[in-house]
């Protein structure tokens, strides 16, 4: 099994010496984080798409293109692209352009989005949440697999013998489906024969094993080999367990409580944080601690990729840079050693 390691950020608005940084500075910092990820041997760097004040990145492809111009090997993609409120043709064109600029390193992770601000912003009706995603995914799948596309759906006019430019350079655009825990989404990914990215942001990662099993069964029914399965989860690496928790907890709680207030969740307590760190989906601690937990998840879920979401609300840029360095130089080699030892 080829195992890949990624890092994800949502471009969270971080804290500086005088308070929250402006969006422009956060974007420049994300670019530096992507460049460092490449330098320390990380395989993939993902940037989320949001349309709200607490996240700086609304056009991840442009940020990724800036990173591509300063890197050589790291693959670059989204985490995730909100396909339901985008135009599949324009999205394909942007990623085909990124793929050309990066010499074939572009990827896209498509999702419905857990935040819905993009729907009213771009004039889409939330009542069509499911229908828009299904229709647009069907069109996007046709675009990445055919030079000439004839397609008909329910939410936009049909295409007849349509060519879309720029064309891909001799390979398909690697396209993942992001799934938060819906069996229907797992089967949908299998139906389109696309890699599956499981967003596990709470609870024991082992509870997602049935979804992995479902993916294997669905591919058997469709007669297709099982493509890569990945996991996206939050975490943070520091020199010691105590340092990691002390640095990460205040920012993580602030972000979690801000989002939770919008969704009716109670404020996060320290005991819940500790439980997530010990037995849940929070990968936090010294390199060996984080590596041991990642290795366990990789084995339990038969993964081909693990992506650590290292940003957390106002967590400072300098802290994240150190986390990236430790992840690439310490955690990744340790995980490979642990898995090799069985």
C-alpha atoms as a PDB file:
ATOM      1  CA  UNK A   1       0.000   0.000   0.000  1.00  0.00           C
ATOM      2  CA  UNK A   2       1.249   3.451  -0.944  1.00  0.00           C
ATOM      3  CA  UNK A   3       0.575   5.784   1.970  1.00  0.00           C
ATOM      4  CA  UNK A   4       0.461   9.540   1.431  1.00  0.00           C
ATOM      5  CA  UNK A   5       0.491  12.290   4.023  1.00  0.00           C
ATOM      6  CA  UNK A   6      -1.236  15.630   3.699  1.00  0.00           C
ATOM      7  CA  UNK A   7      -1.824  18.874   5.546  1.00  0.00           C
ATOM      8  CA  UNK A   8      -5.023  20.911   5.386  1.00  0.00           C
ATOM      9  CA  UNK A   9      -5.831  24.486   6.344  1.00  0.00           C
ATOM     10  CA  UNK A  10      -8.996  26.542   6.098  1.00  0.00           C
ATOM     11  CA  UNK A  11      -7.027  29.778   6.096  1.00  0.00           C
ATOM     12  CA  UNK A  12      -8.320  30.584   9.583  1.00  0.00           C
ATOM     13  CA  UNK A  13      -7.852  34.222  10.601  1.00  0.00           C
ATOM     14  CA  UNK A  14      -4.867  34.015  12.945  1.00  0.00           C
ATOM     15  CA  UNK A  15      -3.619  36.213  15.760  1.00  0.00           C
ATOM     16  CA  UNK A  16      -0.669  38.545  15.525  1.00  0.00           C
ATOM     17  CA  UNK A  17       0.995  40.817  18.045  1.00  0.00           C
ATOM     18  CA  UNK A  18      -1.870  43.321  17.870  1.00  0.00           C
ATOM     19  CA  UNK A  19      -4.842  41.002  17.439  1.00  0.00           C
ATOM     20  CA  UNK A  20      -6.420  39.276  14.424  1.00  0.00           C
ATOM     21  CA  UNK A  21      -4.423  39.577  11.219  1.00  0.00           C
ATOM     22  CA  UNK A  22      -5.973  40.980   8.036  1.00  0.00           C
ATOM     23  CA  UNK A  23      -7.112  38.485   5.436  1.00  0.00           C
ATOM     24  CA  UNK A  24      -4.342  39.504   3.052  1.00  0.00           C
ATOM     25  CA  UNK A  25      -1.617  38.644   5.552  1.00  0.00           C
ATOM     26  CA  UNK A  26      -3.285  35.325   6.399  1.00  0.00           C
ATOM     27  CA  UNK A  27      -3.278  34.408   2.708  1.00  0.00           C
ATOM     28  CA  UNK A  28       0.419  35.251   2.416  1.00  0.00           C
ATOM     29  CA  UNK A  29       1.077  33.118   5.504  1.00  0.00           C
ATOM     30  CA  UNK A  30      -0.845  30.160   4.034  1.00  0.00           C
ATOM     31  CA  UNK A  31       1.394  30.360   0.966  1.00  0.00           C
ATOM     32  CA  UNK A  32       4.475  30.177   3.193  1.00  0.00           C
ATOM     33  CA  UNK A  33       2.980  27.189   5.019  1.00  0.00           C
ATOM     34  CA  UNK A  34       2.456  25.377   1.720  1.00  0.00           C
ATOM     35  CA  UNK A  35       6.021  26.090   0.635  1.00  0.00           C
ATOM     36  CA  UNK A  36       7.339  24.700   3.932  1.00  0.00           C
ATOM     37  CA  UNK A  37       5.156  21.603   3.607  1.00  0.00           C
ATOM     38  CA  UNK A  38       6.825  20.859   0.277  1.00  0.00           C
ATOM     39  CA  UNK A  39      10.297  21.410   1.735  1.00  0.00           C
ATOM     40  CA  UNK A  40       9.779  18.945   4.607  1.00  0.00           C
ATOM     41  CA  UNK A  41       8.398  16.132   2.450  1.00  0.00           C
ATOM     42  CA  UNK A  42       4.620  16.361   2.840  1.00  0.00           C
ATOM     43  CA  UNK A  43       2.777  14.785  -0.114  1.00  0.00           C
ATOM     44  CA  UNK A  44      -0.339  16.974  -0.295  1.00  0.00           C
ATOM     45  CA  UNK A  45      -1.382  20.461   0.786  1.00  0.00           C
ATOM     46  CA  UNK A  46      -5.099  21.253   0.922  1.00  0.00           C
ATOM     47  CA  UNK A  47      -6.762  24.653   1.276  1.00  0.00           C
ATOM     48  CA  UNK A  48     -10.412  25.003   2.218  1.00  0.00           C
ATOM     49  CA  UNK A  49     -13.013  27.269   0.639  1.00  0.00           C
ATOM     50  CA  UNK A  50     -15.122  29.536   2.857  1.00  0.00           C
ATOM     51  CA  UNK A  51     -17.084  32.748   2.442  1.00  0.00           C
ATOM     52  CA  UNK A  52     -17.165  34.220   5.947  1.00  0.00           C
ATOM     53  CA  UNK A  53     -15.145  36.610   8.083  1.00  0.00           C
ATOM     54  CA  UNK A  54     -13.260  34.057  10.182  1.00  0.00           C
ATOM     55  CA  UNK A  55     -11.609  32.356   7.181  1.00  0.00           C
ATOM     56  CA  UNK A  56      -9.449  34.231   4.681  1.00  0.00           C
ATOM     57  CA  UNK A  57      -9.551  31.933   1.633  1.00  0.00           C
ATOM     58  CA  UNK A  58     -12.534  32.119  -0.712  1.00  0.00           C
ATOM     59  CA  UNK A  59     -10.572  31.353  -3.917  1.00  0.00           C
ATOM     60  CA  UNK A  60      -8.261  28.457  -2.993  1.00  0.00           C
ATOM     61  CA  UNK A  61      -7.124  27.768  -6.557  1.00  0.00           C
ATOM     62  CA  UNK A  62      -5.357  31.138  -6.675  1.00  0.00           C
ATOM     63  CA  UNK A  63      -3.593  30.480  -3.375  1.00  0.00           C
ATOM     64  CA  UNK A  64      -2.617  27.010  -4.616  1.00  0.00           C
ATOM     65  CA  UNK A  65      -1.254  28.461  -7.858  1.00  0.00           C
ATOM     66  CA  UNK A  66       0.974  30.802  -5.842  1.00  0.00           C
ATOM     67  CA  UNK A  67       2.244  27.802  -3.867  1.00  0.00           C
ATOM     68  CA  UNK A  68       2.755  25.832  -7.090  1.00  0.00           C
ATOM     69  CA  UNK A  69       5.070  28.527  -8.425  1.00  0.00           C
ATOM     70  CA  UNK A  70       7.401  28.052  -5.448  1.00  0.00           C
ATOM     71  CA  UNK A  71       7.311  24.273  -5.028  1.00  0.00           C
ATOM     72  CA  UNK A  72       8.446  21.237  -6.978  1.00  0.00           C
ATOM     73  CA  UNK A  73       6.767  18.036  -5.831  1.00  0.00           C
ATOM     74  CA  UNK A  74       3.873  18.521  -3.405  1.00  0.00           C
ATOM     75  CA  UNK A  75       0.350  17.905  -4.715  1.00  0.00           C
ATOM     76  CA  UNK A  76      -2.059  20.803  -4.254  1.00  0.00           C
ATOM     77  CA  UNK A  77      -5.809  20.735  -3.800  1.00  0.00           C
ATOM     78  CA  UNK A  78      -8.864  21.881  -1.927  1.00  0.00           C
ATOM     79  CA  UNK A  79     -10.289  20.796   1.393  1.00  0.00           C
ATOM     80  CA  UNK A  80     -13.026  21.030   0.204  1.00  0.00           C
ATOM     81  CA  UNK A  81     -14.485  22.727  -2.877  1.00  0.00           C
ATOM     82  CA  UNK A  82     -18.176  23.493  -2.334  1.00  0.00           C
ATOM     83  CA  UNK A  83     -19.362  22.091  -5.648  1.00  0.00           C
ATOM     84  CA  UNK A  84     -23.064  22.718  -4.997  1.00  0.00           C
ATOM     85  CA  UNK A  85     -22.642  26.504  -5.228  1.00  0.00           C
ATOM     86  CA  UNK A  86     -20.018  26.527  -7.981  1.00  0.00           C
ATOM     87  CA  UNK A  87     -20.153  26.073 -11.732  1.00  0.00           C
ATOM     88  CA  UNK A  88     -18.664  22.689 -12.701  1.00  0.00           C
ATOM     89  CA  UNK A  89     -17.299  23.970 -16.013  1.00  0.00           C
ATOM     90  CA  UNK A  90     -15.592  27.001 -14.496  1.00  0.00           C
ATOM     91  CA  UNK A  91     -14.314  24.802 -11.665  1.00  0.00           C
ATOM     92  CA  UNK A  92     -12.849  22.342 -14.147  1.00  0.00           C
ATOM     93  CA  UNK A  93     -11.193  25.196 -16.059  1.00  0.00           C
ATOM     94  CA  UNK A  94      -9.611  26.598 -12.895  1.00  0.00           C
ATOM     95  CA  UNK A  95      -8.230  23.228 -11.839  1.00  0.00           C
ATOM     96  CA  UNK A  96      -7.076  22.330 -15.332  1.00  0.00           C
ATOM     97  CA  UNK A  97      -5.177  25.628 -15.291  1.00  0.00           C
ATOM     98  CA  UNK A  98      -3.704  24.847 -11.859  1.00  0.00           C
ATOM     99  CA  UNK A  99      -2.757  21.391 -13.094  1.00  0.00           C
ATOM    100  CA  UNK A 100      -0.912  22.920 -16.051  1.00  0.00           C
ATOM    101  CA  UNK A 101       0.853  25.510 -13.896  1.00  0.00           C
ATOM    102  CA  UNK A 102       1.957  22.852 -11.383  1.00  0.00           C
ATOM    103  CA  UNK A 103       2.971  20.273 -14.028  1.00  0.00           C
ATOM    104  CA  UNK A 104       0.274  17.781 -13.043  1.00  0.00           C
ATOM    105  CA  UNK A 105       0.099  18.268  -9.271  1.00  0.00           C
ATOM    106  CA  UNK A 106      -3.484  19.537  -8.951  1.00  0.00           C
ATOM    107  CA  UNK A 107      -6.210  17.645  -7.104  1.00  0.00           C
ATOM    108  CA  UNK A 108      -9.726  18.570  -6.051  1.00  0.00           C
ATOM    109  CA  UNK A 109     -11.802  17.318  -3.139  1.00  0.00           C
ATOM    110  CA  UNK A 110     -15.474  17.920  -3.858  1.00  0.00           C
ATOM    111  CA  UNK A 111     -18.031  18.311  -1.085  1.00  0.00           C
ATOM    112  CA  UNK A 112     -21.405  19.765  -0.280  1.00  0.00           C
ATOM    113  CA  UNK A 113     -19.934  21.980   2.425  1.00  0.00           C
ATOM    114  CA  UNK A 114     -20.796  22.102   6.106  1.00  0.00           C
ATOM    115  CA  UNK A 115     -21.047  25.906   5.869  1.00  0.00           C
ATOM    116  CA  UNK A 116     -23.818  27.275   3.666  1.00  0.00           C
ATOM    117  CA  UNK A 117     -22.888  30.959   3.241  1.00  0.00           C
ATOM    118  CA  UNK A 118     -21.983  30.375  -0.400  1.00  0.00           C
ATOM    119  CA  UNK A 119     -25.567  29.468  -1.357  1.00  0.00           C
ATOM    120  CA  UNK A 120     -27.200  32.887  -0.844  1.00  0.00           C
ATOM    121  CA  UNK A 121     -23.957  34.632  -1.874  1.00  0.00           C
ATOM    122  CA  UNK A 122     -24.044  33.039  -5.329  1.00  0.00           C
ATOM    123  CA  UNK A 123     -27.814  32.897  -5.677  1.00  0.00           C
ATOM    124  CA  UNK A 124     -28.523  29.215  -4.963  1.00  0.00           C
ATOM    125  CA  UNK A 125     -31.500  27.838  -3.066  1.00  0.00           C
ATOM    126  CA  UNK A 126     -30.613  25.770  -0.001  1.00  0.00           C
ATOM    127  CA  UNK A 127     -33.697  23.645  -0.619  1.00  0.00           C
ATOM    128  CA  UNK A 128     -31.781  22.223  -3.610  1.00  0.00           C
ATOM    129  CA  UNK A 129     -28.766  21.300  -1.460  1.00  0.00           C
ATOM    130  CA  UNK A 130     -28.777  17.624  -2.499  1.00  0.00           C
ATOM    131  CA  UNK A 131     -30.025  18.048  -6.041  1.00  0.00           C
ATOM    132  CA  UNK A 132     -27.400  20.651  -6.914  1.00  0.00           C
ATOM    133  CA  UNK A 133     -24.544  18.501  -5.678  1.00  0.00           C
ATOM    134  CA  UNK A 134     -25.726  15.349  -7.450  1.00  0.00           C
ATOM    135  CA  UNK A 135     -26.297  17.146 -10.749  1.00  0.00           C
ATOM    136  CA  UNK A 136     -23.048  19.093 -10.699  1.00  0.00           C
ATOM    137  CA  UNK A 137     -21.009  16.079  -9.649  1.00  0.00           C
ATOM    138  CA  UNK A 138     -22.392  14.164 -12.607  1.00  0.00           C
ATOM    139  CA  UNK A 139     -21.298  16.944 -14.961  1.00  0.00           C
ATOM    140  CA  UNK A 140     -17.872  17.304 -13.339  1.00  0.00           C
ATOM    141  CA  UNK A 141     -17.298  13.560 -13.656  1.00  0.00           C
ATOM    142  CA  UNK A 142     -18.044  13.830 -17.377  1.00  0.00           C
ATOM    143  CA  UNK A 143     -15.656  16.773 -17.771  1.00  0.00           C
ATOM    144  CA  UNK A 144     -12.654  15.057 -16.185  1.00  0.00           C
ATOM    145  CA  UNK A 145     -13.089  11.887 -18.260  1.00  0.00           C
ATOM    146  CA  UNK A 146     -13.992  13.143 -21.722  1.00  0.00           C
ATOM    147  CA  UNK A 147     -12.448  15.579 -24.178  1.00  0.00           C
ATOM    148  CA  UNK A 148     -15.844  16.087 -25.792  1.00  0.00           C
ATOM    149  CA  UNK A 149     -18.847  16.189 -23.446  1.00  0.00           C
ATOM    150  CA  UNK A 150     -22.509  15.559 -24.141  1.00  0.00           C
ATOM    151  CA  UNK A 151     -24.495  15.830 -20.917  1.00  0.00           C
ATOM    152  CA  UNK A 152     -27.987  16.582 -19.657  1.00  0.00           C
ATOM    153  CA  UNK A 153     -29.090  17.255 -16.094  1.00  0.00           C
ATOM    154  CA  UNK A 154     -31.791  19.025 -14.103  1.00  0.00           C
ATOM    155  CA  UNK A 155     -30.229  22.263 -12.847  1.00  0.00           C
ATOM    156  CA  UNK A 156     -28.593  23.776 -15.943  1.00  0.00           C
ATOM    157  CA  UNK A 157     -28.886  23.644 -19.755  1.00  0.00           C
ATOM    158  CA  UNK A 158     -27.478  20.541 -21.479  1.00  0.00           C
ATOM    159  CA  UNK A 159     -24.161  20.269 -23.310  1.00  0.00           C
ATOM    160  CA  UNK A 160     -23.860  18.762 -26.774  1.00  0.00           C
ATOM    161  CA  UNK A 161     -20.445  17.779 -28.156  1.00  0.00           C
ATOM    162  CA  UNK A 162     -18.851  20.484 -26.019  1.00  0.00           C
ATOM    163  CA  UNK A 163     -15.092  20.877 -25.584  1.00  0.00           C
ATOM    164  CA  UNK A 164     -13.827  22.676 -22.472  1.00  0.00           C
ATOM    165  CA  UNK A 165     -10.423  24.344 -22.255  1.00  0.00           C
ATOM    166  CA  UNK A 166      -7.670  24.107 -21.215  1.00  0.00           C
ATOM    167  CA  UNK A 167      -7.527  20.388 -21.726  1.00  0.00           C
ATOM    168  CA  UNK A 168      -5.709  18.163 -19.271  1.00  0.00           C
ATOM    169  CA  UNK A 169      -2.195  17.098 -20.196  1.00  0.00           C
ATOM    170  CA  UNK A 170      -2.428  13.369 -20.757  1.00  0.00           C
ATOM    171  CA  UNK A 171      -3.969  12.382 -17.420  1.00  0.00           C
ATOM    172  CA  UNK A 172      -7.195  12.653 -15.480  1.00  0.00           C
ATOM    173  CA  UNK A 173      -7.631  15.261 -12.768  1.00  0.00           C
ATOM    174  CA  UNK A 174      -7.478  13.432  -9.451  1.00  0.00           C
ATOM    175  CA  UNK A 175     -10.895  14.081  -7.920  1.00  0.00           C
ATOM    176  CA  UNK A 176     -11.917  12.982  -4.424  1.00  0.00           C
ATOM    177  CA  UNK A 177     -15.359  12.995  -2.828  1.00  0.00           C
ATOM    178  CA  UNK A 178     -15.400  14.446   0.684  1.00  0.00           C
ATOM    179  CA  UNK A 179     -17.756  12.584   3.016  1.00  0.00           C
ATOM    180  CA  UNK A 180     -18.768  13.502   6.544  1.00  0.00           C
ATOM    181  CA  UNK A 181     -20.526  10.297   7.483  1.00  0.00           C
ATOM    182  CA  UNK A 182     -23.373   9.620   5.045  1.00  0.00           C
ATOM    183  CA  UNK A 183     -23.683   6.073   3.620  1.00  0.00           C
ATOM    184  CA  UNK A 184     -25.314   7.539   0.513  1.00  0.00           C
ATOM    185  CA  UNK A 185     -22.239   9.687  -0.091  1.00  0.00           C
ATOM    186  CA  UNK A 186     -19.957   6.663   0.224  1.00  0.00           C
ATOM    187  CA  UNK A 187     -21.971   4.773  -2.398  1.00  0.00           C
ATOM    188  CA  UNK A 188     -22.069   7.847  -4.620  1.00  0.00           C
ATOM    189  CA  UNK A 189     -18.273   8.060  -4.580  1.00  0.00           C
ATOM    190  CA  UNK A 190     -18.083   4.397  -5.539  1.00  0.00           C
ATOM    191  CA  UNK A 191     -20.597   4.869  -8.335  1.00  0.00           C
ATOM    192  CA  UNK A 192     -18.379   7.536  -9.874  1.00  0.00           C
ATOM    193  CA  UNK A 193     -15.257   5.473  -9.051  1.00  0.00           C
ATOM    194  CA  UNK A 194     -13.650   8.389  -7.229  1.00  0.00           C
ATOM    195  CA  UNK A 195     -11.361   8.289  -4.176  1.00  0.00           C
ATOM    196  CA  UNK A 196     -13.097   8.786  -0.831  1.00  0.00           C
ATOM    197  CA  UNK A 197     -11.995  11.389   1.735  1.00  0.00           C
ATOM    198  CA  UNK A 198     -13.572  10.860   5.158  1.00  0.00           C
ATOM    199  CA  UNK A 199     -13.823  14.004   7.279  1.00  0.00           C
ATOM    200  CA  UNK A 200     -13.517  12.682  10.843  1.00  0.00           C
ATOM    201  CA  UNK A 201     -13.649  15.656  13.189  1.00  0.00           C
ATOM    202  CA  UNK A 202     -15.086  14.073  16.330  1.00  0.00           C
ATOM    203  CA  UNK A 203     -15.319  10.710  18.082  1.00  0.00           C
ATOM    204  CA  UNK A 204     -13.305   7.546  17.712  1.00  0.00           C
ATOM    205  CA  UNK A 205     -12.041   7.175  14.133  1.00  0.00           C
ATOM    206  CA  UNK A 206     -12.796   3.455  14.299  1.00  0.00           C
ATOM    207  CA  UNK A 207     -16.511   4.201  14.048  1.00  0.00           C
ATOM    208  CA  UNK A 208     -15.917   4.954  10.354  1.00  0.00           C
ATOM    209  CA  UNK A 209     -14.851   1.368   9.635  1.00  0.00           C
ATOM    210  CA  UNK A 210     -18.388   0.470   8.423  1.00  0.00           C
ATOM    211  CA  UNK A 211     -18.122   3.207   5.798  1.00  0.00           C
ATOM    212  CA  UNK A 212     -14.847   1.744   4.582  1.00  0.00           C
ATOM    213  CA  UNK A 213     -16.465  -1.683   4.429  1.00  0.00           C
ATOM    214  CA  UNK A 214     -19.416  -0.177   2.546  1.00  0.00           C
ATOM    215  CA  UNK A 215     -17.043   1.374   0.031  1.00  0.00           C
ATOM    216  CA  UNK A 216     -15.385  -1.985  -0.604  1.00  0.00           C
ATOM    217  CA  UNK A 217     -18.776  -3.703  -1.046  1.00  0.00           C
ATOM    218  CA  UNK A 218     -20.047  -0.977  -3.370  1.00  0.00           C
ATOM    219  CA  UNK A 219     -16.975  -1.199  -5.593  1.00  0.00           C
ATOM    220  CA  UNK A 220     -17.358  -4.975  -5.723  1.00  0.00           C
ATOM    221  CA  UNK A 221     -20.930  -4.523  -6.931  1.00  0.00           C
ATOM    222  CA  UNK A 222     -19.888  -1.931  -9.516  1.00  0.00           C
ATOM    223  CA  UNK A 223     -17.004  -4.138 -10.645  1.00  0.00           C
ATOM    224  CA  UNK A 224     -14.338  -1.501  -9.987  1.00  0.00           C
ATOM    225  CA  UNK A 225     -11.149  -1.660  -7.896  1.00  0.00           C
ATOM    226  CA  UNK A 226     -11.289   0.284  -4.647  1.00  0.00           C
ATOM    227  CA  UNK A 227      -9.586   3.667  -5.174  1.00  0.00           C
ATOM    228  CA  UNK A 228      -7.676   5.417  -2.387  1.00  0.00           C
ATOM    229  CA  UNK A 229      -9.445   6.140   0.887  1.00  0.00           C
ATOM    230  CA  UNK A 230      -8.233   9.044   2.998  1.00  0.00           C
ATOM    231  CA  UNK A 231      -9.007  10.715   6.309  1.00  0.00           C
ATOM    232  CA  UNK A 232      -9.021  14.423   7.155  1.00  0.00           C
ATOM    233  CA  UNK A 233      -8.809  15.142  10.900  1.00  0.00           C
ATOM    234  CA  UNK A 234      -7.670  18.010  13.112  1.00  0.00           C
ATOM    235  CA  UNK A 235      -4.405  17.951  15.023  1.00  0.00           C
ATOM    236  CA  UNK A 236      -1.258  19.715  16.104  1.00  0.00           C
ATOM    237  CA  UNK A 237       2.355  18.698  16.728  1.00  0.00           C
ATOM    238  CA  UNK A 238       4.799  20.239  19.221  1.00  0.00           C
ATOM    239  CA  UNK A 239       7.928  19.058  20.987  1.00  0.00           C
ATOM    240  CA  UNK A 240       6.001  17.498  23.897  1.00  0.00           C
ATOM    241  CA  UNK A 241       2.452  16.377  24.602  1.00  0.00           C
ATOM    242  CA  UNK A 242       2.017  19.028  27.265  1.00  0.00           C
ATOM    243  CA  UNK A 243       3.289  21.808  25.018  1.00  0.00           C
ATOM    244  CA  UNK A 244       1.028  20.739  22.157  1.00  0.00           C
ATOM    245  CA  UNK A 245      -2.087  20.752  24.325  1.00  0.00           C
ATOM    246  CA  UNK A 246      -1.210  24.031  26.039  1.00  0.00           C
ATOM    247  CA  UNK A 247      -0.604  25.821  22.725  1.00  0.00           C
ATOM    248  CA  UNK A 248      -3.493  24.312  20.794  1.00  0.00           C
ATOM    249  CA  UNK A 249      -6.355  24.232  23.326  1.00  0.00           C
ATOM    250  CA  UNK A 250      -7.141  27.983  23.649  1.00  0.00           C
ATOM    251  CA  UNK A 251      -7.320  28.528  19.887  1.00  0.00           C
ATOM    252  CA  UNK A 252      -9.158  25.268  19.227  1.00  0.00           C
ATOM    253  CA  UNK A 253     -11.767  26.088  21.876  1.00  0.00           C
ATOM    254  CA  UNK A 254     -12.261  29.604  20.529  1.00  0.00           C
ATOM    255  CA  UNK A 255     -12.849  28.290  16.997  1.00  0.00           C
ATOM    256  CA  UNK A 256     -15.040  25.395  18.162  1.00  0.00           C
ATOM    257  CA  UNK A 257     -17.179  27.606  20.404  1.00  0.00           C
ATOM    258  CA  UNK A 258     -17.646  30.256  17.715  1.00  0.00           C
ATOM    259  CA  UNK A 259     -18.906  27.708  15.191  1.00  0.00           C
ATOM    260  CA  UNK A 260     -20.779  25.785  17.852  1.00  0.00           C
ATOM    261  CA  UNK A 261     -22.725  28.861  18.922  1.00  0.00           C
ATOM    262  CA  UNK A 262     -24.066  29.158  15.372  1.00  0.00           C
ATOM    263  CA  UNK A 263     -25.124  25.517  15.403  1.00  0.00           C
ATOM    264  CA  UNK A 264     -26.521  25.252  18.891  1.00  0.00           C
ATOM    265  CA  UNK A 265     -23.638  23.346  20.471  1.00  0.00           C
ATOM    266  CA  UNK A 266     -22.632  23.958  24.087  1.00  0.00           C
ATOM    267  CA  UNK A 267     -19.197  25.476  24.759  1.00  0.00           C
ATOM    268  CA  UNK A 268     -16.393  22.932  24.596  1.00  0.00           C
ATOM    269  CA  UNK A 269     -15.081  21.817  27.974  1.00  0.00           C
ATOM    270  CA  UNK A 270     -11.516  20.810  28.762  1.00  0.00           C
ATOM    271  CA  UNK A 271     -12.640  17.257  29.535  1.00  0.00           C
ATOM    272  CA  UNK A 272     -14.122  16.876  26.035  1.00  0.00           C
ATOM    273  CA  UNK A 273     -10.900  18.182  24.519  1.00  0.00           C
ATOM    274  CA  UNK A 274      -8.841  15.700  26.545  1.00  0.00           C
ATOM    275  CA  UNK A 275     -11.117  12.842  25.514  1.00  0.00           C
ATOM    276  CA  UNK A 276     -10.779  13.740  21.837  1.00  0.00           C
ATOM    277  CA  UNK A 277      -7.003  13.905  22.244  1.00  0.00           C
ATOM    278  CA  UNK A 278      -6.835  10.552  24.045  1.00  0.00           C
ATOM    279  CA  UNK A 279      -9.449   8.461  22.227  1.00  0.00           C
ATOM    280  CA  UNK A 280     -11.075  10.627  19.591  1.00  0.00           C
ATOM    281  CA  UNK A 281     -10.186  12.224  16.296  1.00  0.00           C
ATOM    282  CA  UNK A 282      -7.805  14.910  17.584  1.00  0.00           C
ATOM    283  CA  UNK A 283      -4.198  14.079  16.674  1.00  0.00           C
ATOM    284  CA  UNK A 284      -2.265  16.211  19.123  1.00  0.00           C
ATOM    285  CA  UNK A 285       1.007  15.838  20.966  1.00  0.00           C
ATOM    286  CA  UNK A 286       4.682  15.137  20.492  1.00  0.00           C
ATOM    287  CA  UNK A 287       5.732  13.546  17.181  1.00  0.00           C
ATOM    288  CA  UNK A 288       5.705   9.995  18.541  1.00  0.00           C
ATOM    289  CA  UNK A 289       2.262  10.444  20.115  1.00  0.00           C
ATOM    290  CA  UNK A 290       0.757  11.804  16.901  1.00  0.00           C
ATOM    291  CA  UNK A 291       2.523   9.196  14.763  1.00  0.00           C
ATOM    292  CA  UNK A 292       1.256   6.329  16.899  1.00  0.00           C
ATOM    293  CA  UNK A 293      -2.321   7.559  16.622  1.00  0.00           C
ATOM    294  CA  UNK A 294      -2.096   8.114  12.867  1.00  0.00           C
ATOM    295  CA  UNK A 295      -0.626   4.636  12.369  1.00  0.00           C
ATOM    296  CA  UNK A 296      -3.528   3.139  14.311  1.00  0.00           C
ATOM    297  CA  UNK A 297      -6.091   4.951  12.181  1.00  0.00           C
ATOM    298  CA  UNK A 298      -4.332   3.999   8.955  1.00  0.00           C
ATOM    299  CA  UNK A 299      -4.420   0.319   9.902  1.00  0.00           C
ATOM    300  CA  UNK A 300      -7.985   0.374  11.247  1.00  0.00           C
ATOM    301  CA  UNK A 301      -9.441   2.063   8.160  1.00  0.00           C
ATOM    302  CA  UNK A 302      -7.068   0.697   5.493  1.00  0.00           C
ATOM    303  CA  UNK A 303      -6.098   4.182   4.382  1.00  0.00           C
ATOM    304  CA  UNK A 304      -4.043   5.392   1.449  1.00  0.00           C
ATOM    305  CA  UNK A 305      -3.798   8.965   2.755  1.00  0.00           C
ATOM    306  CA  UNK A 306      -3.966  10.847   6.047  1.00  0.00           C
ATOM    307  CA  UNK A 307      -4.492  14.637   6.058  1.00  0.00           C
ATOM    308  CA  UNK A 308      -3.915  16.631   9.245  1.00  0.00           C
ATOM    309  CA  UNK A 309      -5.965  19.814   9.526  1.00  0.00           C
ATOM    310  CA  UNK A 310      -3.376  21.859  11.405  1.00  0.00           C
ATOM    311  CA  UNK A 311      -5.008  25.294  11.498  1.00  0.00           C
ATOM    312  CA  UNK A 312      -7.302  26.201  14.386  1.00  0.00           C
ATOM    313  CA  UNK A 313      -8.855  29.629  14.585  1.00  0.00           C
ATOM    314  CA  UNK A 314      -6.403  32.231  15.927  1.00  0.00           C
ATOM    315  CA  UNK A 315      -3.511  29.769  16.380  1.00  0.00           C
ATOM    316  CA  UNK A 316      -0.468  31.875  15.355  1.00  0.00           C
ATOM    317  CA  UNK A 317       1.337  31.363  12.075  1.00  0.00           C
ATOM    318  CA  UNK A 318       4.666  30.687  13.817  1.00  0.00           C
ATOM    319  CA  UNK A 319       3.133  27.820  15.793  1.00  0.00           C
ATOM    320  CA  UNK A 320       1.689  26.296  12.635  1.00  0.00           C
ATOM    321  CA  UNK A 321       5.022  26.545  10.840  1.00  0.00           C
ATOM    322  CA  UNK A 322       6.692  24.602  13.648  1.00  0.00           C
ATOM    323  CA  UNK A 323       3.871  22.043  13.525  1.00  0.00           C
ATOM    324  CA  UNK A 324       4.386  21.594   9.768  1.00  0.00           C
ATOM    325  CA  UNK A 325       8.109  21.122  10.246  1.00  0.00           C
ATOM    326  CA  UNK A 326       7.634  18.457  12.930  1.00  0.00           C
ATOM    327  CA  UNK A 327       4.919  16.710  10.926  1.00  0.00           C
ATOM    328  CA  UNK A 328       7.149  16.419   7.867  1.00  0.00           C
ATOM    329  CA  UNK A 329      10.490  15.666   9.504  1.00  0.00           C
ATOM    330  CA  UNK A 330       9.381  13.604  12.507  1.00  0.00           C
ATOM    331  CA  UNK A 331       5.792  12.330  12.326  1.00  0.00           C
ATOM    332  CA  UNK A 332       5.748  11.034   8.757  1.00  0.00           C
ATOM    333  CA  UNK A 333       8.975   8.976   9.085  1.00  0.00           C
ATOM    334  CA  UNK A 334       7.762   7.589  12.433  1.00  0.00           C
ATOM    335  CA  UNK A 335       4.427   6.484  10.981  1.00  0.00           C
ATOM    336  CA  UNK A 336       6.174   4.711   8.131  1.00  0.00           C
ATOM    337  CA  UNK A 337       8.474   2.940  10.594  1.00  0.00           C
ATOM    338  CA  UNK A 338       5.568   1.890  12.810  1.00  0.00           C
ATOM    339  CA  UNK A 339       3.599   0.479   9.884  1.00  0.00           C
ATOM    340  CA  UNK A 340       6.638  -1.332   8.520  1.00  0.00           C
ATOM    341  CA  UNK A 341       7.102  -3.015  11.902  1.00  0.00           C
ATOM    342  CA  UNK A 342       3.482  -4.191  11.823  1.00  0.00           C
END
